Amino acid sequence: MAKINFQQFRIPAGIDRSRYQTGDARESVANMLYLNFNGIRAHALALKIYRSEGETEYSEEEVRTLTEASNTYGTPAFIDGLREQLEGGAE
């Protein structure tokens, strides 16, 4: 299990990572899954993210799906922001 807060999601504001931006990524992440991934599990995960409030627990399977979606459709900044939350490295 992993906890991710898409409501207060941090991403680097530049490659040097000296600054970060924090914002609500729930709708954009949910849409990334909803519009690009097939299957009822992706649908359920998209709704879970869209309806989430603050830090939410995600199963290993959900994290794999999020990581796959991120690596395929996310910006490099989003990929790094997700990785930092998963590793607990967000400052």
PDB file of N, CA and C in Angstrom:
ATOM      1  N   MET A   1       0.831  -1.182   0.000  1.00  0.00           N
ATOM      2  CA  MET A   1       0.000   0.000   0.000  1.00  0.00           C
ATOM      3  C   MET A   1       0.878   1.248   0.000  1.00  0.00           C
ATOM      4  N   ALA A   2       0.393   2.249  -0.695  1.00  0.00           N
ATOM      5  CA  ALA A   2       1.091   3.527  -0.756  1.00  0.00           C
ATOM      6  C   ALA A   2       0.074   4.635  -0.567  1.00  0.00           C
ATOM      7  N   LYS A   3       0.490   5.731   0.027  1.00  0.00           N
ATOM      8  CA  LYS A   3      -0.378   6.883   0.209  1.00  0.00           C
ATOM      9  C   LYS A   3       0.072   7.991  -0.742  1.00  0.00           C
ATOM     10  N   ILE A   4      -0.915   8.544  -1.463  1.00  0.00           N
ATOM     11  CA  ILE A   4      -0.637   9.626  -2.404  1.00  0.00           C
ATOM     12  C   ILE A   4      -1.689  10.702  -2.197  1.00  0.00           C
ATOM     13  N   ASN A   5      -1.241  11.953  -2.220  1.00  0.00           N
ATOM     14  CA  ASN A   5      -2.141  13.087  -2.080  1.00  0.00           C
ATOM     15  C   ASN A   5      -2.208  13.823  -3.422  1.00  0.00           C
ATOM     16  N   PHE A   6      -3.219  13.504  -4.222  1.00  0.00           N
ATOM     17  CA  PHE A   6      -3.384  14.180  -5.509  1.00  0.00           C
ATOM     18  C   PHE A   6      -4.023  15.555  -5.349  1.00  0.00           C
ATOM     19  N   GLN A   7      -4.623  15.814  -4.193  1.00  0.00           N
ATOM     20  CA  GLN A   7      -5.234  17.116  -3.937  1.00  0.00           C
ATOM     21  C   GLN A   7      -4.157  18.182  -3.692  1.00  0.00           C
ATOM     22  N   GLN A   8      -3.062  17.797  -3.089  1.00  0.00           N
ATOM     23  CA  GLN A   8      -1.921  18.681  -2.835  1.00  0.00           C
ATOM     24  C   GLN A   8      -0.683  18.039  -3.462  1.00  0.00           C
ATOM     25  N   PHE A   9      -0.675  17.969  -4.777  1.00  0.00           N
ATOM     26  CA  PHE A   9       0.363  17.243  -5.504  1.00  0.00           C
ATOM     27  C   PHE A   9       1.509  18.182  -5.861  1.00  0.00           C
ATOM     28  N   ARG A  10       2.723  17.791  -5.485  1.00  0.00           N
ATOM     29  CA  ARG A  10       3.925  18.606  -5.731  1.00  0.00           C
ATOM     30  C   ARG A  10       4.673  18.100  -6.948  1.00  0.00           C
ATOM     31  N   ILE A  11       5.056  19.040  -7.810  1.00  0.00           N
ATOM     32  CA  ILE A  11       5.918  18.696  -8.942  1.00  0.00           C
ATOM     33  C   ILE A  11       7.045  19.709  -9.015  1.00  0.00           C
ATOM     34  N   PRO A  12       8.207  19.292  -9.513  1.00  0.00           N
ATOM     35  CA  PRO A  12       9.300  20.246  -9.681  1.00  0.00           C
ATOM     36  C   PRO A  12       8.910  21.317 -10.695  1.00  0.00           C
ATOM     37  N   ALA A  13       9.306  22.563 -10.430  1.00  0.00           N
ATOM     38  CA  ALA A  13       9.027  23.677 -11.344  1.00  0.00           C
ATOM     39  C   ALA A  13      10.170  23.875 -12.329  1.00  0.00           C
ATOM     40  N   GLY A  14      11.154  23.002 -12.285  1.00  0.00           N
ATOM     41  CA  GLY A  14      12.286  23.057 -13.203  1.00  0.00           C
ATOM     42  C   GLY A  14      13.169  21.842 -13.015  1.00  0.00           C
ATOM     43  N   ILE A  15      14.013  21.608 -13.993  1.00  0.00           N
ATOM     44  CA  ILE A  15      14.872  20.421 -13.979  1.00  0.00           C
ATOM     45  C   ILE A  15      15.825  20.402 -12.787  1.00  0.00           C
ATOM     46  N   ASP A  16      16.200  21.585 -12.284  1.00  0.00           N
ATOM     47  CA  ASP A  16      17.136  21.633 -11.153  1.00  0.00           C
ATOM     48  C   ASP A  16      16.455  21.343  -9.821  1.00  0.00           C
ATOM     49  N   ARG A  17      15.127  21.285  -9.819  1.00  0.00           N
ATOM     50  CA  ARG A  17      14.332  20.968  -8.632  1.00  0.00           C
ATOM     51  C   ARG A  17      14.592  21.916  -7.457  1.00  0.00           C
ATOM     52  N   SER A  18      14.944  23.144  -7.759  1.00  0.00           N
ATOM     53  CA  SER A  18      15.147  24.116  -6.684  1.00  0.00           C
ATOM     54  C   SER A  18      13.819  24.727  -6.232  1.00  0.00           C
ATOM     55  N   ARG A  19      12.792  24.630  -7.079  1.00  0.00           N
ATOM     56  CA  ARG A  19      11.462  25.129  -6.751  1.00  0.00           C
ATOM     57  C   ARG A  19      10.430  24.061  -7.095  1.00  0.00           C
ATOM     58  N   TYR A  20       9.325  24.098  -6.382  1.00  0.00           N
ATOM     59  CA  TYR A  20       8.225  23.157  -6.617  1.00  0.00           C
ATOM     60  C   TYR A  20       6.917  23.925  -6.740  1.00  0.00           C
ATOM     61  N   GLN A  21       5.961  23.322  -7.449  1.00  0.00           N
ATOM     62  CA  GLN A  21       4.604  23.831  -7.525  1.00  0.00           C
ATOM     63  C   GLN A  21       3.694  22.785  -6.886  1.00  0.00           C
ATOM     64  N   THR A  22       2.720  23.247  -6.137  1.00  0.00           N
ATOM     65  CA  THR A  22       1.747  22.351  -5.520  1.00  0.00           C
ATOM     66  C   THR A  22       0.362  22.720  -6.028  1.00  0.00           C
ATOM     67  N   GLY A  23      -0.382  21.705  -6.426  1.00  0.00           N
ATOM     68  CA  GLY A  23      -1.726  21.967  -6.923  1.00  0.00           C
ATOM     69  C   GLY A  23      -2.593  20.727  -6.875  1.00  0.00           C
ATOM     70  N   ASP A  24      -3.839  20.905  -7.238  1.00  0.00           N
ATOM     71  CA  ASP A  24      -4.816  19.827  -7.241  1.00  0.00           C
ATOM     72  C   ASP A  24      -4.734  19.101  -8.581  1.00  0.00           C
ATOM     73  N   ALA A  25      -4.233  17.880  -8.571  1.00  0.00           N
ATOM     74  CA  ALA A  25      -4.040  17.093  -9.797  1.00  0.00           C
ATOM     75  C   ALA A  25      -5.101  16.015  -9.969  1.00  0.00           C
ATOM     76  N   ARG A  26      -6.095  15.988  -9.101  1.00  0.00           N
ATOM     77  CA  ARG A  26      -7.078  14.897  -9.127  1.00  0.00           C
ATOM     78  C   ARG A  26      -7.775  14.755 -10.478  1.00  0.00           C
ATOM     79  N   GLU A  27      -8.310  15.837 -10.995  1.00  0.00           N
ATOM     80  CA  GLU A  27      -9.069  15.732 -12.242  1.00  0.00           C
ATOM     81  C   GLU A  27      -8.171  15.370 -13.423  1.00  0.00           C
ATOM     82  N   SER A  28      -7.003  15.973 -13.509  1.00  0.00           N
ATOM     83  CA  SER A  28      -6.129  15.676 -14.655  1.00  0.00           C
ATOM     84  C   SER A  28      -5.597  14.249 -14.613  1.00  0.00           C
ATOM     85  N   VAL A  29      -5.270  13.734 -13.434  1.00  0.00           N
ATOM     86  CA  VAL A  29      -4.791  12.353 -13.328  1.00  0.00           C
ATOM     87  C   VAL A  29      -5.940  11.384 -13.610  1.00  0.00           C
ATOM     88  N   ALA A  30      -7.117  11.675 -13.068  1.00  0.00           N
ATOM     89  CA  ALA A  30      -8.275  10.824 -13.328  1.00  0.00           C
ATOM     90  C   ALA A  30      -8.592  10.797 -14.823  1.00  0.00           C
ATOM     91  N   ASN A  31      -8.530  11.945 -15.475  1.00  0.00           N
ATOM     92  CA  ASN A  31      -8.783  11.993 -16.915  1.00  0.00           C
ATOM     93  C   ASN A  31      -7.714  11.245 -17.713  1.00  0.00           C
ATOM     94  N   MET A  32      -6.469  11.309 -17.263  1.00  0.00           N
ATOM     95  CA  MET A  32      -5.395  10.577 -17.933  1.00  0.00           C
ATOM     96  C   MET A  32      -5.730   9.084 -17.975  1.00  0.00           C
ATOM     97  N   LEU A  33      -6.216   8.551 -16.863  1.00  0.00           N
ATOM     98  CA  LEU A  33      -6.607   7.141 -16.806  1.00  0.00           C
ATOM     99  C   LEU A  33      -7.893   6.893 -17.585  1.00  0.00           C
ATOM    100  N   TYR A  34      -8.884   7.720 -17.354  1.00  0.00           N
ATOM    101  CA  TYR A  34     -10.214   7.539 -17.946  1.00  0.00           C
ATOM    102  C   TYR A  34     -10.174   7.569 -19.473  1.00  0.00           C
ATOM    103  N   LEU A  35      -9.347   8.430 -20.031  1.00  0.00           N
ATOM    104  CA  LEU A  35      -9.303   8.603 -21.482  1.00  0.00           C
ATOM    105  C   LEU A  35      -8.311   7.694 -22.204  1.00  0.00           C
ATOM    106  N   ASN A  36      -7.358   7.113 -21.475  1.00  0.00           N
ATOM    107  CA  ASN A  36      -6.282   6.373 -22.137  1.00  0.00           C
ATOM    108  C   ASN A  36      -6.153   4.910 -21.758  1.00  0.00           C
ATOM    109  N   PHE A  37      -6.784   4.478 -20.675  1.00  0.00           N
ATOM    110  CA  PHE A  37      -6.630   3.097 -20.221  1.00  0.00           C
ATOM    111  C   PHE A  37      -7.942   2.348 -20.356  1.00  0.00           C
ATOM    112  N   ASN A  38      -7.863   1.099 -20.725  1.00  0.00           N
ATOM    113  CA  ASN A  38      -9.040   0.250 -20.872  1.00  0.00           C
ATOM    114  C   ASN A  38      -9.294  -0.536 -19.597  1.00  0.00           C
ATOM    115  N   GLY A  39     -10.544  -0.890 -19.388  1.00  0.00           N
ATOM    116  CA  GLY A  39     -10.890  -1.810 -18.315  1.00  0.00           C
ATOM    117  C   GLY A  39     -11.568  -1.154 -17.133  1.00  0.00           C
ATOM    118  N   ILE A  40     -12.297  -1.989 -16.425  1.00  0.00           N
ATOM    119  CA  ILE A  40     -13.066  -1.533 -15.274  1.00  0.00           C
ATOM    120  C   ILE A  40     -12.156  -1.117 -14.124  1.00  0.00           C
ATOM    121  N   ARG A  41     -10.985  -1.740 -13.997  1.00  0.00           N
ATOM    122  CA  ARG A  41     -10.062  -1.366 -12.913  1.00  0.00           C
ATOM    123  C   ARG A  41      -9.543   0.049 -13.114  1.00  0.00           C
ATOM    124  N   ALA A  42      -9.235   0.400 -14.354  1.00  0.00           N
ATOM    125  CA  ALA A  42      -8.778   1.767 -14.643  1.00  0.00           C
ATOM    126  C   ALA A  42      -9.904   2.764 -14.387  1.00  0.00           C
ATOM    127  N   HIS A  43     -11.124   2.358 -14.737  1.00  0.00           N
ATOM    128  CA  HIS A  43     -12.289   3.212 -14.489  1.00  0.00           C
ATOM    129  C   HIS A  43     -12.461   3.452 -12.988  1.00  0.00           C
ATOM    130  N   ALA A  44     -12.388   2.392 -12.206  1.00  0.00           N
ATOM    131  CA  ALA A  44     -12.540   2.498 -10.753  1.00  0.00           C
ATOM    132  C   ALA A  44     -11.430   3.351 -10.148  1.00  0.00           C
ATOM    133  N   LEU A  45     -10.205   3.180 -10.622  1.00  0.00           N
ATOM    134  CA  LEU A  45      -9.074   3.963 -10.109  1.00  0.00           C
ATOM    135  C   LEU A  45      -9.246   5.439 -10.464  1.00  0.00           C
ATOM    136  N   ALA A  46      -9.686   5.712 -11.682  1.00  0.00           N
ATOM    137  CA  ALA A  46      -9.911   7.109 -12.090  1.00  0.00           C
ATOM    138  C   ALA A  46     -10.937   7.766 -11.161  1.00  0.00           C
ATOM    139  N   LEU A  47     -12.023   7.068 -10.876  1.00  0.00           N
ATOM    140  CA  LEU A  47     -13.041   7.623  -9.978  1.00  0.00           C
ATOM    141  C   LEU A  47     -12.513   7.773  -8.550  1.00  0.00           C
ATOM    142  N   LYS A  48     -11.720   6.815  -8.097  1.00  0.00           N
ATOM    143  CA  LYS A  48     -11.147   6.890  -6.746  1.00  0.00           C
ATOM    144  C   LYS A  48     -10.275   8.126  -6.612  1.00  0.00           C
ATOM    145  N   ILE A  49      -9.449   8.384  -7.613  1.00  0.00           N
ATOM    146  CA  ILE A  49      -8.566   9.553  -7.584  1.00  0.00           C
ATOM    147  C   ILE A  49      -9.393  10.835  -7.656  1.00  0.00           C
ATOM    148  N   TYR A  50     -10.354  10.877  -8.560  1.00  0.00           N
ATOM    149  CA  TYR A  50     -11.182  12.070  -8.747  1.00  0.00           C
ATOM    150  C   TYR A  50     -11.937  12.434  -7.465  1.00  0.00           C
ATOM    151  N   ARG A  51     -12.399  11.429  -6.740  1.00  0.00           N
ATOM    152  CA  ARG A  51     -13.187  11.657  -5.524  1.00  0.00           C
ATOM    153  C   ARG A  51     -12.339  11.722  -4.250  1.00  0.00           C
ATOM    154  N   SER A  52     -11.036  11.535  -4.369  1.00  0.00           N
ATOM    155  CA  SER A  52     -10.177  11.475  -3.182  1.00  0.00           C
ATOM    156  C   SER A  52     -10.118  12.813  -2.460  1.00  0.00           C
ATOM    157  N   GLU A  53      -9.866  12.720  -1.162  1.00  0.00           N
ATOM    158  CA  GLU A  53      -9.693  13.896  -0.308  1.00  0.00           C
ATOM    159  C   GLU A  53      -8.390  13.725   0.450  1.00  0.00           C
ATOM    160  N   GLY A  54      -7.392  14.515   0.114  1.00  0.00           N
ATOM    161  CA  GLY A  54      -6.111  14.434   0.807  1.00  0.00           C
ATOM    162  C   GLY A  54      -5.379  13.137   0.524  1.00  0.00           C
ATOM    163  N   GLU A  55      -4.587  12.729   1.500  1.00  0.00           N
ATOM    164  CA  GLU A  55      -3.783  11.521   1.352  1.00  0.00           C
ATOM    165  C   GLU A  55      -4.697  10.292   1.310  1.00  0.00           C
ATOM    166  N   THR A  56      -4.528   9.473   0.270  1.00  0.00           N
ATOM    167  CA  THR A  56      -5.370   8.302   0.053  1.00  0.00           C
ATOM    168  C   THR A  56      -4.498   7.084  -0.174  1.00  0.00           C
ATOM    169  N   GLU A  57      -4.912   5.941   0.346  1.00  0.00           N
ATOM    170  CA  GLU A  57      -4.155   4.699   0.164  1.00  0.00           C
ATOM    171  C   GLU A  57      -4.485   4.056  -1.175  1.00  0.00           C
ATOM    172  N   TYR A  58      -3.421   3.557  -1.823  1.00  0.00           N
ATOM    173  CA  TYR A  58      -3.552   2.863  -3.107  1.00  0.00           C
ATOM    174  C   TYR A  58      -2.830   1.526  -3.006  1.00  0.00           C
ATOM    175  N   SER A  59      -3.456   0.487  -3.567  1.00  0.00           N
ATOM    176  CA  SER A  59      -2.882  -0.863  -3.540  1.00  0.00           C
ATOM    177  C   SER A  59      -1.676  -0.933  -4.481  1.00  0.00           C
ATOM    178  N   GLU A  60      -0.939  -2.018  -4.378  1.00  0.00           N
ATOM    179  CA  GLU A  60       0.213  -2.224  -5.262  1.00  0.00           C
ATOM    180  C   GLU A  60      -0.228  -2.248  -6.724  1.00  0.00           C
ATOM    181  N   GLU A  61      -1.363  -2.875  -7.004  1.00  0.00           N
ATOM    182  CA  GLU A  61      -1.873  -2.931  -8.369  1.00  0.00           C
ATOM    183  C   GLU A  61      -2.247  -1.528  -8.874  1.00  0.00           C
ATOM    184  N   GLU A  62      -2.874  -0.741  -8.015  1.00  0.00           N
ATOM    185  CA  GLU A  62      -3.225   0.635  -8.393  1.00  0.00           C
ATOM    186  C   GLU A  62      -1.975   1.467  -8.649  1.00  0.00           C
ATOM    187  N   VAL A  63      -0.965   1.286  -7.815  1.00  0.00           N
ATOM    188  CA  VAL A  63       0.288   2.015  -8.000  1.00  0.00           C
ATOM    189  C   VAL A  63       0.956   1.607  -9.311  1.00  0.00           C
ATOM    190  N   ARG A  64       0.927   0.327  -9.653  1.00  0.00           N
ATOM    191  CA  ARG A  64       1.486  -0.128 -10.940  1.00  0.00           C
ATOM    192  C   ARG A  64       0.759   0.539 -12.103  1.00  0.00           C
ATOM    193  N   THR A  65      -0.557   0.592 -12.022  1.00  0.00           N
ATOM    194  CA  THR A  65      -1.339   1.237 -13.075  1.00  0.00           C
ATOM    195  C   THR A  65      -1.009   2.718 -13.162  1.00  0.00           C
ATOM    196  N   LEU A  66      -0.932   3.390 -12.014  1.00  0.00           N
ATOM    197  CA  LEU A  66      -0.574   4.815 -11.997  1.00  0.00           C
ATOM    198  C   LEU A  66       0.814   5.056 -12.569  1.00  0.00           C
ATOM    199  N   THR A  67       1.752   4.210 -12.210  1.00  0.00           N
ATOM    200  CA  THR A  67       3.120   4.349 -12.703  1.00  0.00           C
ATOM    201  C   THR A  67       3.170   4.135 -14.209  1.00  0.00           C
ATOM    202  N   GLU A  68       2.464   3.130 -14.697  1.00  0.00           N
ATOM    203  CA  GLU A  68       2.413   2.873 -16.137  1.00  0.00           C
ATOM    204  C   GLU A  68       1.783   4.058 -16.875  1.00  0.00           C
ATOM    205  N   ALA A  69       0.678   4.558 -16.352  1.00  0.00           N
ATOM    206  CA  ALA A  69       0.013   5.718 -16.969  1.00  0.00           C
ATOM    207  C   ALA A  69       0.933   6.933 -16.947  1.00  0.00           C
ATOM    208  N   SER A  70       1.570   7.163 -15.816  1.00  0.00           N
ATOM    209  CA  SER A  70       2.482   8.287 -15.667  1.00  0.00           C
ATOM    210  C   SER A  70       3.636   8.205 -16.656  1.00  0.00           C
ATOM    211  N   ASN A  71       4.248   7.039 -16.747  1.00  0.00           N
ATOM    212  CA  ASN A  71       5.394   6.868 -17.636  1.00  0.00           C
ATOM    213  C   ASN A  71       5.027   6.970 -19.106  1.00  0.00           C
ATOM    214  N   THR A  72       3.776   6.680 -19.444  1.00  0.00           N
ATOM    215  CA  THR A  72       3.318   6.730 -20.829  1.00  0.00           C
ATOM    216  C   THR A  72       2.736   8.087 -21.202  1.00  0.00           C
ATOM    217  N   TYR A  73       1.941   8.688 -20.317  1.00  0.00           N
ATOM    218  CA  TYR A  73       1.179   9.886 -20.665  1.00  0.00           C
ATOM    219  C   TYR A  73       1.531  11.123 -19.844  1.00  0.00           C
ATOM    220  N   GLY A  74       2.316  10.974 -18.784  1.00  0.00           N
ATOM    221  CA  GLY A  74       2.621  12.101 -17.910  1.00  0.00           C
ATOM    222  C   GLY A  74       3.833  12.898 -18.365  1.00  0.00           C
ATOM    223  N   THR A  75       3.888  14.123 -17.906  1.00  0.00           N
ATOM    224  CA  THR A  75       5.066  14.948 -18.164  1.00  0.00           C
ATOM    225  C   THR A  75       6.209  14.462 -17.269  1.00  0.00           C
ATOM    226  N   PRO A  76       7.452  14.757 -17.621  1.00  0.00           N
ATOM    227  CA  PRO A  76       8.555  14.380 -16.743  1.00  0.00           C
ATOM    228  C   PRO A  76       8.396  14.940 -15.322  1.00  0.00           C
ATOM    229  N   ALA A  77       7.878  16.151 -15.192  1.00  0.00           N
ATOM    230  CA  ALA A  77       7.677  16.740 -13.865  1.00  0.00           C
ATOM    231  C   ALA A  77       6.648  15.932 -13.066  1.00  0.00           C
ATOM    232  N   PHE A  78       5.571  15.503 -13.729  1.00  0.00           N
ATOM    233  CA  PHE A  78       4.570  14.688 -13.045  1.00  0.00           C
ATOM    234  C   PHE A  78       5.171  13.342 -12.623  1.00  0.00           C
ATOM    235  N   ILE A  79       5.933  12.724 -13.516  1.00  0.00           N
ATOM    236  CA  ILE A  79       6.575  11.440 -13.212  1.00  0.00           C
ATOM    237  C   ILE A  79       7.452  11.578 -11.975  1.00  0.00           C
ATOM    238  N   ASP A  80       8.256  12.645 -11.920  1.00  0.00           N
ATOM    239  CA  ASP A  80       9.116  12.856 -10.757  1.00  0.00           C
ATOM    240  C   ASP A  80       8.312  13.155  -9.500  1.00  0.00           C
ATOM    241  N   GLY A  81       7.228  13.934  -9.628  1.00  0.00           N
ATOM    242  CA  GLY A  81       6.384  14.225  -8.471  1.00  0.00           C
ATOM    243  C   GLY A  81       5.742  12.969  -7.905  1.00  0.00           C
ATOM    244  N   LEU A  82       5.261  12.101  -8.798  1.00  0.00           N
ATOM    245  CA  LEU A  82       4.668  10.839  -8.351  1.00  0.00           C
ATOM    246  C   LEU A  82       5.721   9.962  -7.683  1.00  0.00           C
ATOM    247  N   ARG A  83       6.876   9.862  -8.295  1.00  0.00           N
ATOM    248  CA  ARG A  83       7.960   9.049  -7.718  1.00  0.00           C
ATOM    249  C   ARG A  83       8.327   9.560  -6.318  1.00  0.00           C
ATOM    250  N   GLU A  84       8.419  10.875  -6.158  1.00  0.00           N
ATOM    251  CA  GLU A  84       8.769  11.431  -4.842  1.00  0.00           C
ATOM    252  C   GLU A  84       7.713  11.095  -3.797  1.00  0.00           C
ATOM    253  N   GLN A  85       6.426  11.181  -4.163  1.00  0.00           N
ATOM    254  CA  GLN A  85       5.390  10.825  -3.198  1.00  0.00           C
ATOM    255  C   GLN A  85       5.451   9.343  -2.847  1.00  0.00           C
ATOM    256  N   LEU A  86       5.680   8.508  -3.843  1.00  0.00           N
ATOM    257  CA  LEU A  86       5.740   7.079  -3.585  1.00  0.00           C
ATOM    258  C   LEU A  86       6.938   6.696  -2.728  1.00  0.00           C
ATOM    259  N   GLU A  87       8.028   7.400  -2.900  1.00  0.00           N
ATOM    260  CA  GLU A  87       9.238   7.120  -2.128  1.00  0.00           C
ATOM    261  C   GLU A  87       9.280   7.897  -0.809  1.00  0.00           C
ATOM    262  N   GLY A  88       8.297   8.756  -0.604  1.00  0.00           N
ATOM    263  CA  GLY A  88       8.282   9.555   0.621  1.00  0.00           C
ATOM    264  C   GLY A  88       9.349  10.621   0.638  1.00  0.00           C
ATOM    265  N   GLY A  89       9.839  11.006  -0.550  1.00  0.00           N
ATOM    266  CA  GLY A  89      10.938  11.966  -0.636  1.00  0.00           C
ATOM    267  C   GLY A  89      10.509  13.400  -0.805  1.00  0.00           C
ATOM    268  N   ALA A  90       9.216  13.670  -0.821  1.00  0.00           N
ATOM    269  CA  ALA A  90       8.767  15.055  -0.961  1.00  0.00           C
ATOM    270  C   ALA A  90       9.150  15.834   0.279  1.00  0.00           C
ATOM    271  N   GLU A  91       9.689  17.007   0.070  1.00  0.00           N
ATOM    272  CA  GLU A  91      10.153  17.826   1.196  1.00  0.00           C
ATOM    273  C   GLU A  91       9.028  18.652   1.780  1.00  0.00           C
TER     274      GLU A  91
END
